[in-house]
Amino acid sequence: MAVQVPLWHHYLQAVRSRAAPRAQDFQRAEDVLLTVLERVHALDPRFLVDYSRDLGAFQFALRSSEEPLSLEVPLGLETEAFLMEEPAATEPGDSPAWCRLGVPKDGAGLERWTADDVFSASSESGSQSCGHIVPSKVLCVLKGLLVAAIVHCKHHNLIAPGSLNASSLQEEELHLSLLVSSGWRTIRFNVVPVVRRRHRLTTPEGTLLATGFPMGCLERILGQGMDLVPASAQHWRVSTDHLLTKLLSVLGSLPGHRLDSLSILDRVNHDSWRDEGQSAGLTFSHLKMVLLWASVLFPAPADWTDLEGSVYRLLVVLLCCLATRNLPHFLWPACNLLQASDLDLGALYQRVERFASQPEASLRIHITHLGPTLPPRIDNGVKSLLQLPASDPAYWVTAYFDVLLDKFQVFNIQDQDRIAAMQSIFRKTKSLGAEDS
């Protein structure tokens, strides 16, 4: 084990060396877009410029992948004056829910939201609304405004020549894609209209989730309310992206290697599991969700003091999710983030398990890192143990994942209660564990 410690930290240093330049690249690119959006607001005050959300650079710096980034354009409306019309009851796993944004018949001062360019009148009898604000129409208006704003900014030299490519605006999506050049890097932004909601998000698992965060932190962040973003031509859906990034930022303020572990796995994912980003696979959002769950399942500070052990805390959660083909949404655990995925989860599992068993080869940035490859940490039978939460959700607890850490030889906790709980679950799975050994 001692041989691997310098390698993990050497790899982390290489990942960290990119963080500051990436944050600077993001900020330069964001400045270009904010200049354009200021012109959009001048052309149509219904679209606002949001300067308050400073987590974009923080999140971009953690990543090695070049996935598109979302840039939200808030609509200047008070949601309390509108009607959130949710469809008939859906299955529990369908959250986050879809809705229509209705304009009440007796609403005062809402004339600018009943203009034909964003509004569709309703013919439904007995409805409380006279019509709805339609996402597809909002996107169409925003697209035209972006084109006009970009032309204006280029003509008046407000943005540098070649800094922004709007050719991808022709794509028919639920967002508007723009390519922004920042130094030698090109960053793709997905511009998304968003409706801010002050309604507090509640989750039945709130007490459990709070164990991974400082006291009152989860309540305070969820109290900031939800956002609505386009879900289809006619419907909006709840988006928790900002809330989750806020929670990620809180984890970064805690002592230990939580965010370091996320950055390492994102780099390994990009380089090894996705073949330098050339093949489909896990996204940063998937890995972010894994970290949030790992922080709840391993709330003790001692779990995050060692870099290698911290990475394995994410790995055992990720392997379990891939083996059971279920990555629960952190705020809606009934919602499986792998359910609609077209990924080859079996092949992906094999890659992640291979890394967890012999990580040395994937942790070499360049040839000077060559060193001994240690024997595999586990035999191939571990997958059957990882399947247990699929048949019994009671295994989704710290003690079960401690058993997995022990199998990967990275269980380093001295707390006697933790050890006893782990041994209790291990006894339940002893026959299965004997087959895996």
Protein backbone atom coordinates (compact mmCIF):
# COMPACT_ATOMS: atom_id res chain seq x y z
CA MET A 1 0.00 0.00 0.00
CA ALA A 2 2.78 2.44 0.87
CA VAL A 3 4.14 2.22 -2.69
CA GLN A 4 0.93 3.70 -4.10
CA VAL A 5 0.69 6.81 -1.91
CA PRO A 6 3.19 8.96 -3.88
CA LEU A 7 1.55 7.90 -7.14
CA TRP A 8 -1.91 9.08 -6.04
CA HIS A 9 -0.56 12.43 -4.89
CA HIS A 10 1.59 12.83 -8.00
CA TYR A 11 -1.51 12.27 -10.12
CA LEU A 12 -3.50 14.76 -8.03
CA GLN A 13 -0.80 17.40 -8.50
CA ALA A 14 -1.03 16.95 -12.26
CA VAL A 15 -4.82 17.33 -12.13
CA ARG A 16 -4.60 20.38 -9.86
CA SER A 17 -2.07 22.07 -12.15
CA ARG A 18 -4.85 22.51 -14.69
CA ALA A 19 -7.40 23.94 -12.29
CA ALA A 20 -6.28 27.60 -12.18
CA PRO A 21 -5.86 27.97 -15.98
CA ARG A 22 -9.24 26.31 -16.53
CA ALA A 23 -10.93 28.71 -14.09
CA GLN A 24 -9.34 31.68 -15.89
CA ASP A 25 -10.45 30.31 -19.28
CA PHE A 26 -13.99 29.96 -18.00
CA GLN A 27 -14.10 33.48 -16.61
CA ARG A 28 -12.85 34.99 -19.88
CA ALA A 29 -15.43 33.01 -21.84
CA GLU A 30 -18.18 33.94 -19.41
CA ASP A 31 -17.27 37.63 -19.75
CA VAL A 32 -17.87 37.36 -23.51
CA LEU A 33 -21.30 35.82 -22.96
CA LEU A 34 -22.30 38.30 -20.26
CA THR A 35 -21.48 41.15 -22.65
CA VAL A 36 -23.79 39.58 -25.23
CA LEU A 37 -26.52 38.94 -22.65
CA GLU A 38 -26.38 42.54 -21.47
CA ARG A 39 -27.29 43.54 -25.02
CA VAL A 40 -30.05 40.89 -25.04
CA HIS A 41 -31.50 42.49 -21.91
CA ALA A 42 -31.31 45.96 -23.50
CA LEU A 43 -33.25 44.64 -26.51
CA ASP A 44 -35.84 42.78 -24.43
CA PRO A 45 -36.05 43.45 -20.64
CA ARG A 46 -37.97 40.21 -20.14
CA PHE A 47 -34.61 38.42 -20.27
CA LEU A 48 -32.31 39.17 -17.33
CA VAL A 49 -28.55 38.87 -16.82
CA ASP A 50 -27.57 36.82 -13.79
CA TYR A 51 -24.31 37.97 -12.21
CA SER A 52 -24.94 36.30 -8.87
CA ARG A 53 -24.01 32.72 -9.60
CA ASP A 54 -20.25 32.39 -9.22
CA LEU A 55 -20.02 28.60 -9.16
CA GLY A 56 -19.40 28.07 -12.87
CA ALA A 57 -15.64 28.60 -12.71
CA PHE A 58 -15.44 26.51 -9.51
CA GLN A 59 -17.12 23.54 -11.19
CA PHE A 60 -15.27 23.92 -14.51
CA ALA A 61 -11.92 23.90 -12.68
CA LEU A 62 -12.73 20.54 -11.10
CA ARG A 63 -13.26 18.88 -14.47
CA SER A 64 -10.94 17.39 -17.03
CA SER A 65 -13.73 16.72 -19.51
CA GLU A 66 -14.93 19.29 -22.04
CA GLU A 67 -18.66 18.68 -21.72
CA PRO A 68 -20.95 21.63 -22.51
CA LEU A 69 -21.68 24.07 -19.69
CA SER A 70 -25.09 25.50 -18.94
CA LEU A 71 -25.54 29.26 -18.80
CA GLU A 72 -28.93 30.28 -17.43
CA VAL A 73 -30.87 33.31 -18.61
CA PRO A 74 -33.58 34.11 -16.03
CA LEU A 75 -36.99 35.36 -17.14
CA GLY A 76 -37.99 38.54 -15.33
CA LEU A 77 -41.25 37.28 -13.88
CA GLU A 78 -42.54 36.67 -10.37
CA THR A 79 -43.56 33.03 -10.28
CA GLU A 80 -46.04 33.68 -7.47
CA ALA A 81 -48.21 35.50 -10.01
CA PHE A 82 -48.33 32.48 -12.33
CA LEU A 83 -49.92 29.04 -12.13
CA MET A 84 -47.79 25.89 -11.99
CA GLU A 85 -50.03 23.37 -13.71
CA GLU A 86 -48.64 19.90 -13.11
CA PRO A 87 -49.93 16.92 -15.11
CA ALA A 88 -51.85 14.06 -13.54
CA ALA A 89 -50.06 12.06 -10.88
CA THR A 90 -46.97 10.34 -12.19
CA GLU A 91 -44.97 7.37 -11.01
CA PRO A 92 -42.60 8.05 -8.08
CA GLY A 93 -39.53 7.66 -10.28
CA ASP A 94 -40.68 10.38 -12.67
CA SER A 95 -39.46 13.28 -10.50
CA PRO A 96 -38.40 15.94 -11.17
CA ALA A 97 -41.88 16.76 -12.39
CA TRP A 98 -42.96 18.56 -15.54
CA CYS A 99 -45.43 21.43 -15.52
CA ARG A 100 -46.95 24.19 -17.62
CA LEU A 101 -46.57 27.83 -16.68
CA GLY A 102 -50.06 29.32 -16.75
CA VAL A 103 -51.00 33.00 -16.86
CA PRO A 104 -54.07 33.55 -14.60
CA LYS A 105 -57.18 35.04 -16.19
CA ASP A 106 -57.40 37.80 -13.61
CA GLY A 107 -53.65 38.49 -13.51
CA ALA A 108 -52.71 42.17 -13.47
CA GLY A 109 -49.53 43.61 -14.92
CA LEU A 110 -48.70 40.48 -16.91
CA GLU A 111 -49.31 41.95 -20.36
CA ARG A 112 -45.75 41.48 -21.58
CA TRP A 113 -46.07 37.74 -20.87
CA THR A 114 -49.24 37.40 -22.94
CA ALA A 115 -47.58 38.64 -26.12
CA ASP A 116 -47.86 36.16 -28.99
CA ASP A 117 -44.11 35.64 -29.18
CA VAL A 118 -43.97 33.75 -25.83
CA PHE A 119 -47.65 33.01 -25.04
CA SER A 120 -50.18 30.49 -26.29
CA ALA A 121 -53.86 31.11 -25.49
CA SER A 122 -55.80 28.28 -23.88
CA SER A 123 -59.07 26.90 -25.17
CA GLU A 124 -59.66 24.63 -22.18
CA SER A 125 -62.97 25.27 -20.45
CA GLY A 126 -62.89 25.67 -16.70
CA SER A 127 -59.19 26.45 -16.64
CA GLN A 128 -57.94 29.09 -14.22
CA SER A 129 -55.41 30.28 -16.79
CA CYS A 130 -55.96 32.14 -20.03
CA GLY A 131 -52.96 30.43 -21.58
CA HIS A 132 -49.36 29.44 -21.05
CA ILE A 133 -45.82 30.70 -21.44
CA VAL A 134 -44.42 28.24 -23.96
CA PRO A 135 -40.77 27.10 -23.71
CA SER A 136 -40.33 26.62 -27.46
CA LYS A 137 -41.52 30.18 -28.12
CA VAL A 138 -39.26 31.57 -25.40
CA LEU A 139 -36.30 29.75 -26.95
CA CYS A 140 -37.17 31.12 -30.39
CA VAL A 141 -37.29 34.70 -29.09
CA LEU A 142 -34.04 34.24 -27.17
CA LYS A 143 -32.35 32.82 -30.25
CA GLY A 144 -33.27 35.86 -32.32
CA LEU A 145 -32.10 38.19 -29.56
CA LEU A 146 -28.77 36.38 -29.27
CA VAL A 147 -28.13 36.71 -32.99
CA ALA A 148 -28.94 40.43 -32.92
CA ALA A 149 -26.85 40.97 -29.79
CA ILE A 150 -23.83 39.14 -31.23
CA VAL A 151 -23.98 41.23 -34.42
CA HIS A 152 -24.21 44.41 -32.34
CA CYS A 153 -21.31 43.43 -30.06
CA LYS A 154 -19.06 42.50 -32.97
CA HIS A 155 -19.93 45.67 -34.89
CA HIS A 156 -19.10 47.85 -31.88
CA ASN A 157 -15.97 45.83 -30.96
CA LEU A 158 -17.44 44.84 -27.60
CA ILE A 159 -16.16 41.29 -28.05
CA ALA A 160 -12.93 40.20 -29.73
CA PRO A 161 -13.07 38.96 -33.34
CA GLY A 162 -13.41 35.18 -33.46
CA SER A 163 -14.24 34.88 -29.76
CA LEU A 164 -17.78 33.62 -30.34
CA ASN A 165 -19.19 31.14 -32.86
CA ALA A 166 -22.98 31.14 -33.25
CA SER A 167 -23.23 28.57 -36.07
CA SER A 168 -24.57 25.92 -33.68
CA LEU A 169 -27.61 28.09 -32.91
CA GLN A 170 -29.27 26.35 -35.85
CA GLU A 171 -29.59 23.16 -33.80
CA GLU A 172 -33.10 22.25 -32.61
CA GLU A 173 -32.65 21.59 -28.90
CA LEU A 174 -34.06 22.62 -25.53
CA HIS A 175 -31.13 25.02 -25.22
CA LEU A 176 -29.14 27.35 -27.46
CA SER A 177 -25.55 26.28 -28.08
CA LEU A 178 -22.69 28.78 -28.44
CA LEU A 179 -18.95 28.19 -28.84
CA VAL A 180 -16.72 30.68 -27.05
CA SER A 181 -12.95 30.86 -27.57
CA SER A 182 -10.87 31.58 -24.47
CA GLY A 183 -7.15 31.52 -25.13
CA TRP A 184 -6.43 28.22 -26.85
CA ARG A 185 -9.54 26.57 -25.39
CA THR A 186 -13.01 26.55 -26.94
CA ILE A 187 -15.88 26.13 -24.48
CA ARG A 188 -19.39 25.14 -25.51
CA PHE A 189 -22.14 26.84 -23.53
CA ASN A 190 -25.76 25.71 -23.58
CA VAL A 191 -27.80 28.88 -23.01
CA VAL A 192 -30.99 27.96 -21.18
CA PRO A 193 -33.96 30.19 -20.27
CA VAL A 194 -34.87 29.59 -16.64
CA VAL A 195 -37.74 30.52 -14.37
CA ARG A 196 -36.71 31.12 -10.77
CA ARG A 197 -39.02 29.61 -8.16
CA ARG A 198 -39.04 30.57 -4.49
CA HIS A 199 -40.94 27.43 -3.56
CA ARG A 200 -38.75 25.38 -1.24
CA LEU A 201 -37.69 21.94 -2.38
CA THR A 202 -38.52 19.16 0.06
CA THR A 203 -37.29 15.59 0.03
CA PRO A 204 -38.54 12.75 2.26
CA GLU A 205 -34.95 11.58 2.71
CA GLY A 206 -33.85 15.01 3.95
CA THR A 207 -32.79 13.79 7.40
CA LEU A 208 -30.56 11.11 5.90
CA LEU A 209 -29.06 13.45 3.31
CA ALA A 210 -28.25 16.08 5.93
CA THR A 211 -25.78 13.73 7.65
CA GLY A 212 -23.16 14.49 5.00
CA PHE A 213 -23.22 18.26 5.51
CA PRO A 214 -22.75 20.78 8.34
CA MET A 215 -25.81 21.23 10.55
CA GLY A 216 -28.55 23.23 8.84
CA CYS A 217 -26.64 23.46 5.55
CA LEU A 218 -28.94 21.22 3.50
CA GLU A 219 -32.05 22.99 4.80
CA ARG A 220 -30.59 26.40 3.96
CA ILE A 221 -29.62 25.46 0.41
CA LEU A 222 -32.88 23.68 -0.41
CA GLY A 223 -34.70 26.72 0.95
CA GLN A 224 -33.34 28.79 -1.94
CA GLY A 225 -36.00 27.24 -4.16
CA MET A 226 -36.12 25.37 -7.45
CA ASP A 227 -35.68 26.47 -11.03
CA LEU A 228 -37.78 25.61 -14.08
CA VAL A 229 -36.10 24.93 -17.42
CA PRO A 230 -37.54 23.73 -20.77
CA ALA A 231 -38.47 20.04 -20.79
CA SER A 232 -40.34 19.95 -24.10
CA ALA A 233 -41.91 22.35 -26.56
CA GLN A 234 -44.83 22.93 -24.16
CA HIS A 235 -43.58 21.91 -20.71
CA TRP A 236 -41.09 23.08 -18.11
CA ARG A 237 -39.33 20.84 -15.61
CA VAL A 238 -37.71 21.28 -12.24
CA SER A 239 -33.93 21.73 -12.36
CA THR A 240 -31.77 21.20 -9.29
CA ASP A 241 -28.40 21.78 -11.00
CA HIS A 242 -27.64 24.93 -9.05
CA LEU A 243 -28.66 23.40 -5.71
CA LEU A 244 -26.41 20.38 -6.33
CA THR A 245 -23.47 22.60 -7.28
CA LYS A 246 -24.03 24.60 -4.09
CA LEU A 247 -23.85 21.38 -2.10
CA LEU A 248 -20.68 20.44 -3.96
CA SER A 249 -19.18 23.79 -2.98
CA VAL A 250 -20.00 23.10 0.66
CA LEU A 251 -18.17 19.76 0.45
CA GLY A 252 -15.16 21.66 -0.85
CA SER A 253 -15.11 23.77 2.32
CA LEU A 254 -14.77 20.67 4.53
CA PRO A 255 -11.37 19.18 5.43
CA GLY A 256 -10.36 16.11 3.46
CA HIS A 257 -10.13 14.92 -0.13
CA ARG A 258 -13.76 14.89 -1.31
CA LEU A 259 -13.29 17.23 -4.28
CA ASP A 260 -9.81 15.85 -4.98
CA SER A 261 -11.40 12.42 -5.37
CA LEU A 262 -13.97 13.80 -7.79
CA SER A 263 -11.29 15.50 -9.88
CA ILE A 264 -9.16 12.35 -10.02
CA LEU A 265 -12.04 10.14 -11.12
CA ASP A 266 -13.18 12.69 -13.70
CA ARG A 267 -9.68 12.68 -15.19
CA VAL A 268 -9.52 8.87 -15.16
CA ASN A 269 -13.00 8.76 -16.68
CA HIS A 270 -11.96 11.10 -19.49
CA ASP A 271 -8.61 9.47 -20.22
CA SER A 272 -9.27 5.77 -19.59
CA TRP A 273 -12.97 4.97 -19.38
CA ARG A 274 -13.94 7.30 -22.28
CA ASP A 275 -10.77 6.93 -24.39
CA GLU A 276 -9.65 10.57 -24.16
CA GLY A 277 -13.26 11.71 -24.49
CA GLN A 278 -13.77 9.89 -27.80
CA SER A 279 -16.39 7.40 -26.60
CA ALA A 280 -19.66 7.68 -24.70
CA GLY A 281 -19.56 7.17 -20.97
CA LEU A 282 -20.11 8.73 -17.59
CA THR A 283 -20.42 12.50 -17.35
CA PHE A 284 -19.18 14.88 -14.70
CA SER A 285 -22.79 15.14 -13.51
CA HIS A 286 -22.88 11.38 -12.87
CA LEU A 287 -19.67 11.53 -10.87
CA LYS A 288 -20.86 14.59 -8.96
CA MET A 289 -23.95 12.63 -7.89
CA VAL A 290 -21.73 9.74 -6.78
CA LEU A 291 -19.69 12.11 -4.59
CA LEU A 292 -22.81 13.55 -2.97
CA TRP A 293 -24.00 10.05 -2.06
CA ALA A 294 -20.54 9.04 -0.84
CA SER A 295 -20.46 12.09 1.43
CA VAL A 296 -23.72 10.96 3.04
CA LEU A 297 -22.72 7.30 3.30
CA PHE A 298 -19.31 8.27 4.72
CA PRO A 299 -20.01 11.36 6.87
CA ALA A 300 -17.07 10.94 9.27
CA PRO A 301 -14.08 13.26 8.70
CA ALA A 302 -11.80 10.22 9.12
CA ASP A 303 -13.20 8.80 5.87
CA TRP A 304 -11.65 11.62 3.85
CA THR A 305 -8.22 12.16 5.40
CA ASP A 306 -6.40 9.69 3.12
CA LEU A 307 -6.42 10.46 -0.62
CA GLU A 308 -6.44 6.88 -1.86
CA GLY A 309 -9.16 5.84 0.59
CA SER A 310 -11.22 8.88 -0.39
CA VAL A 311 -11.14 7.92 -4.07
CA TYR A 312 -12.22 4.38 -3.19
CA ARG A 313 -15.22 5.73 -1.30
CA LEU A 314 -16.47 7.13 -4.60
CA LEU A 315 -15.46 3.97 -6.45
CA VAL A 316 -17.46 1.56 -4.27
CA VAL A 317 -20.58 3.71 -4.65
CA LEU A 318 -20.04 4.01 -8.41
CA LEU A 319 -19.44 0.27 -8.85
CA CYS A 320 -22.59 -0.53 -6.89
CA CYS A 321 -24.62 1.86 -9.07
CA LEU A 322 -23.24 0.36 -12.29
CA ALA A 323 -23.74 -3.22 -11.08
CA THR A 324 -27.36 -2.55 -10.11
CA ARG A 325 -27.89 -0.19 -13.09
CA ASN A 326 -29.27 2.43 -10.73
CA LEU A 327 -27.74 5.80 -9.85
CA PRO A 328 -30.34 7.53 -7.63
CA HIS A 329 -30.82 11.26 -8.01
CA PHE A 330 -29.51 12.82 -4.80
CA LEU A 331 -32.70 14.78 -4.07
CA TRP A 332 -35.15 12.32 -5.67
CA PRO A 333 -33.75 8.84 -4.92
CA ALA A 334 -36.63 7.18 -6.78
CA CYS A 335 -35.35 8.78 -9.98
CA ASN A 336 -32.68 6.59 -11.63
CA LEU A 337 -30.18 8.68 -13.60
CA LEU A 338 -29.01 5.61 -15.53
CA GLN A 339 -32.51 4.50 -16.56
CA ALA A 340 -32.73 6.60 -19.73
CA SER A 341 -29.06 6.15 -20.51
CA ASP A 342 -27.98 4.52 -23.75
CA LEU A 343 -24.61 3.61 -22.22
CA ASP A 344 -23.21 0.09 -22.28
CA LEU A 345 -23.31 -0.21 -18.50
CA GLY A 346 -21.86 -3.72 -18.53
CA ALA A 347 -18.75 -2.68 -20.42
CA LEU A 348 -18.46 0.47 -18.33
CA TYR A 349 -18.65 -1.57 -15.14
CA GLN A 350 -15.78 -3.75 -16.35
CA ARG A 351 -13.59 -0.68 -16.95
CA VAL A 352 -14.32 0.83 -13.54
CA GLU A 353 -13.79 -2.48 -11.75
CA ARG A 354 -10.50 -3.00 -13.60
CA PHE A 355 -9.33 0.42 -12.42
CA ALA A 356 -10.45 -0.26 -8.84
CA SER A 357 -8.57 -3.56 -8.83
CA GLN A 358 -5.31 -2.25 -10.38
CA PRO A 359 -5.34 1.56 -10.56
CA GLU A 360 -1.61 2.09 -11.18
CA ALA A 361 -1.69 2.02 -14.98
CA SER A 362 -4.40 4.70 -15.20
CA LEU A 363 -2.61 7.00 -12.75
CA ARG A 364 0.45 7.55 -14.93
CA ILE A 365 0.43 10.99 -16.49
CA HIS A 366 3.59 10.31 -18.49
CA ILE A 367 6.34 7.71 -18.84
CA THR A 368 8.30 8.97 -15.82
CA HIS A 369 5.51 7.55 -13.66
CA LEU A 370 6.31 3.99 -14.68
CA GLY A 371 6.62 1.75 -11.66
CA PRO A 372 5.59 -1.63 -10.34
CA THR A 373 2.03 -2.75 -10.92
CA LEU A 374 0.67 -4.32 -7.77
CA PRO A 375 -1.38 -7.53 -7.78
CA PRO A 376 -5.16 -7.20 -8.22
CA ARG A 377 -6.92 -6.12 -5.04
CA ILE A 378 -9.96 -8.31 -5.69
CA ASP A 379 -11.07 -11.36 -7.61
CA ASN A 380 -13.67 -11.17 -10.35
CA GLY A 381 -16.55 -12.30 -8.12
CA VAL A 382 -17.08 -8.94 -6.42
CA LYS A 383 -19.90 -8.04 -8.81
CA SER A 384 -22.33 -10.43 -7.09
CA LEU A 385 -21.71 -8.64 -3.79
CA LEU A 386 -22.31 -5.28 -5.47
CA GLN A 387 -25.73 -6.51 -6.67
CA LEU A 388 -27.19 -6.76 -3.15
CA PRO A 389 -28.78 -3.26 -2.98
CA ALA A 390 -30.83 -4.11 -6.08
CA SER A 391 -32.63 -6.89 -4.18
CA ASP A 392 -32.67 -5.21 -0.76
CA PRO A 393 -32.43 -1.39 -0.39
CA ALA A 394 -31.43 -1.93 3.25
CA TYR A 395 -27.90 -2.52 2.00
CA TRP A 396 -27.66 1.15 0.90
CA VAL A 397 -25.97 1.99 4.22
CA THR A 398 -22.48 2.81 5.47
CA ALA A 399 -21.81 -0.66 6.87
CA TYR A 400 -22.39 -2.34 3.50
CA PHE A 401 -20.04 0.04 1.72
CA ASP A 402 -17.50 -0.48 4.52
CA VAL A 403 -17.56 -4.18 3.59
CA LEU A 404 -16.73 -3.20 0.01
CA LEU A 405 -13.91 -0.93 1.17
CA ASP A 406 -12.52 -3.83 3.17
CA LYS A 407 -12.58 -6.05 0.09
CA PHE A 408 -10.59 -3.39 -1.78
CA GLN A 409 -8.16 -3.26 1.19
CA VAL A 410 -8.81 0.40 1.99
CA PHE A 411 -10.95 0.19 5.14
CA ASN A 412 -8.93 2.24 7.62
CA ILE A 413 -11.53 3.23 10.23
CA GLN A 414 -10.84 2.56 13.91
CA ASP A 415 -14.32 3.36 15.24
CA GLN A 416 -15.53 0.21 17.02
CA ASP A 417 -19.21 0.84 16.25
CA ARG A 418 -18.41 1.12 12.52
CA ILE A 419 -16.35 -2.06 12.65
CA ALA A 420 -19.11 -3.95 14.47
CA ALA A 421 -21.76 -2.78 11.98
CA MET A 422 -19.54 -3.80 9.08
CA GLN A 423 -18.93 -7.23 10.59
CA SER A 424 -22.68 -7.69 11.13
CA ILE A 425 -23.46 -7.07 7.46
CA PHE A 426 -20.46 -9.14 6.41
CA ARG A 427 -21.87 -12.12 8.32
CA LYS A 428 -25.12 -11.77 6.36
CA THR A 429 -23.17 -11.95 3.12
CA LYS A 430 -20.54 -14.43 4.28
CA SER A 431 -21.46 -17.19 1.87
CA LEU A 432 -21.52 -14.74 -1.02
CA GLY A 433 -18.28 -13.17 0.15
CA ALA A 434 -16.65 -16.61 0.29
CA GLU A 435 -17.52 -17.15 -3.38
CA ASP A 436 -15.99 -13.77 -4.30
CA SER A 437 -12.74 -14.37 -2.39
